[in-house]
């Protein structure tokens, strides 16, 4: 697969990387929707949540755990944060490699209603 996220993982394009381990890379969103907006992306190829196989379920858990750890390390976990995963066009997914959005740094408003 070749998405913008795969190019970031391969270091073909720059990104403001804030976290990386053997399984995950995380970087600041280029169009942030909150003062803190970080994308956590698995290095395993999975286009959408619908494509996730049962034996890959731990991938989503690792994304959430990495986001929570980052929130604690950055000092905003106690104030609160939101994690979001979008799936397909109506769900708001624009890059077809699963990823988790971590949003924080301000009181977050309502979401999920049609615009």
Protein backbone atom coordinates (compact mmCIF):
# COMPACT_ATOMS: atom_id res chain seq x y z
CA UNK A 1 0.00 0.00 0.00
CA UNK A 2 1.15 3.53 -0.66
CA UNK A 3 -0.59 6.26 1.28
CA UNK A 4 0.87 9.45 2.66
CA UNK A 5 1.21 7.58 5.97
CA UNK A 6 3.28 4.83 4.35
CA UNK A 7 5.54 7.51 2.87
CA UNK A 8 5.98 9.02 6.35
CA UNK A 9 6.80 5.60 7.82
CA UNK A 10 9.43 5.10 5.08
CA UNK A 11 10.73 8.67 5.65
CA UNK A 12 9.99 9.62 2.04
CA UNK A 13 8.20 12.76 3.19
CA UNK A 14 8.74 14.78 6.37
CA UNK A 15 6.49 14.76 9.40
CA UNK A 16 6.66 16.06 12.95
CA UNK A 17 7.11 12.62 14.53
CA UNK A 18 6.40 12.57 18.27
CA UNK A 19 6.43 8.83 18.97
CA UNK A 20 7.68 5.66 17.33
CA UNK A 21 8.23 2.05 18.27
CA UNK A 22 8.47 -1.20 16.31
CA UNK A 23 4.72 -1.25 15.58
CA UNK A 24 3.50 2.37 15.59
CA UNK A 25 4.46 5.82 14.41
CA UNK A 26 2.79 9.00 15.67
CA UNK A 27 3.03 12.50 14.24
CA UNK A 28 1.27 15.84 14.45
CA UNK A 29 -1.66 16.33 12.07
CA UNK A 30 -0.94 18.94 9.39
CA UNK A 31 -4.50 20.31 9.74
CA UNK A 32 -5.10 20.13 13.50
CA UNK A 33 -8.64 20.13 14.83
CA UNK A 34 -7.48 20.86 18.42
CA UNK A 35 -4.38 22.40 20.02
CA UNK A 36 -2.99 18.85 20.28
CA UNK A 37 -3.83 16.65 17.29
CA UNK A 38 -1.58 13.63 16.85
CA UNK A 39 -2.13 10.69 14.50
CA UNK A 40 -1.11 7.21 15.68
CA UNK A 41 -0.57 4.88 12.73
CA UNK A 42 0.27 1.17 12.81
CA UNK A 43 3.10 -0.01 10.60
CA UNK A 44 0.91 -2.99 9.71
CA UNK A 45 -1.04 -2.47 6.47
CA UNK A 46 -4.78 -2.28 7.17
CA UNK A 47 -6.82 0.08 4.99
CA UNK A 48 -9.96 0.42 7.15
CA UNK A 49 -11.36 -0.97 10.37
CA UNK A 50 -13.58 -3.13 8.15
CA UNK A 51 -10.43 -4.79 6.82
CA UNK A 52 -9.05 -5.61 10.27
CA UNK A 53 -8.87 -9.36 10.83
CA UNK A 54 -9.59 -10.89 14.24
CA UNK A 55 -5.96 -11.86 14.70
CA UNK A 56 -5.04 -8.17 14.17
CA UNK A 57 -7.32 -6.86 16.95
CA UNK A 58 -4.31 -6.10 19.15
CA UNK A 59 -3.23 -3.46 16.61
CA UNK A 60 -6.11 -1.22 17.72
CA UNK A 61 -5.29 -1.84 21.37
CA UNK A 62 -1.66 -0.86 20.81
CA UNK A 63 -2.78 2.37 19.12
CA UNK A 64 -5.00 3.28 22.07
CA UNK A 65 -2.33 2.34 24.61
CA UNK A 66 0.32 4.42 22.79
CA UNK A 67 -2.04 7.41 22.67
CA UNK A 68 -2.80 7.14 26.40
CA UNK A 69 0.89 6.84 27.23
CA UNK A 70 1.65 9.91 25.10
CA UNK A 71 -1.14 11.89 26.84
CA UNK A 72 0.31 10.99 30.25
CA UNK A 73 3.88 11.83 29.20
CA UNK A 74 2.79 15.20 27.77
CA UNK A 75 0.84 16.08 30.93
CA UNK A 76 -2.69 16.46 29.57
CA UNK A 77 -4.13 13.05 30.43
CA UNK A 78 -5.78 14.25 33.63
CA UNK A 79 -7.46 17.19 31.87
CA UNK A 80 -8.78 14.79 29.27
CA UNK A 81 -8.46 13.93 25.61
CA UNK A 82 -10.38 12.25 22.83
CA UNK A 83 -9.35 9.38 20.58
CA UNK A 84 -11.17 8.81 17.31
CA UNK A 85 -10.92 6.31 14.48
CA UNK A 86 -12.79 6.98 11.24
CA UNK A 87 -13.91 4.30 8.80
CA UNK A 88 -14.63 4.92 5.12
CA UNK A 89 -16.04 8.02 3.43
CA UNK A 90 -19.15 8.63 5.55
CA UNK A 91 -17.10 8.06 8.68
CA UNK A 92 -14.66 10.76 7.65
CA UNK A 93 -11.70 8.58 6.67
CA UNK A 94 -9.53 10.31 4.08
CA UNK A 95 -6.32 8.26 4.27
CA UNK A 96 -6.87 4.56 3.78
CA UNK A 97 -4.50 3.19 6.40
CA UNK A 98 -6.13 2.80 9.81
CA UNK A 99 -5.07 5.43 12.29
CA UNK A 100 -6.15 6.91 15.57
CA UNK A 101 -6.60 10.64 16.18
CA UNK A 102 -5.61 11.97 19.60
CA UNK A 103 -7.18 15.38 20.27
CA UNK A 104 -6.53 17.46 23.38
CA UNK A 105 -5.43 20.79 24.76
CA UNK A 106 -8.86 22.44 25.04
CA UNK A 107 -12.44 21.67 25.97
CA UNK A 108 -13.64 19.58 23.02
CA UNK A 109 -17.11 20.13 21.64
CA UNK A 110 -19.74 17.72 20.41
CA UNK A 111 -19.10 15.61 17.37
CA UNK A 112 -20.76 13.01 15.24
CA UNK A 113 -23.72 14.99 13.97
CA UNK A 114 -24.18 15.51 10.24
CA UNK A 115 -22.90 18.85 8.98
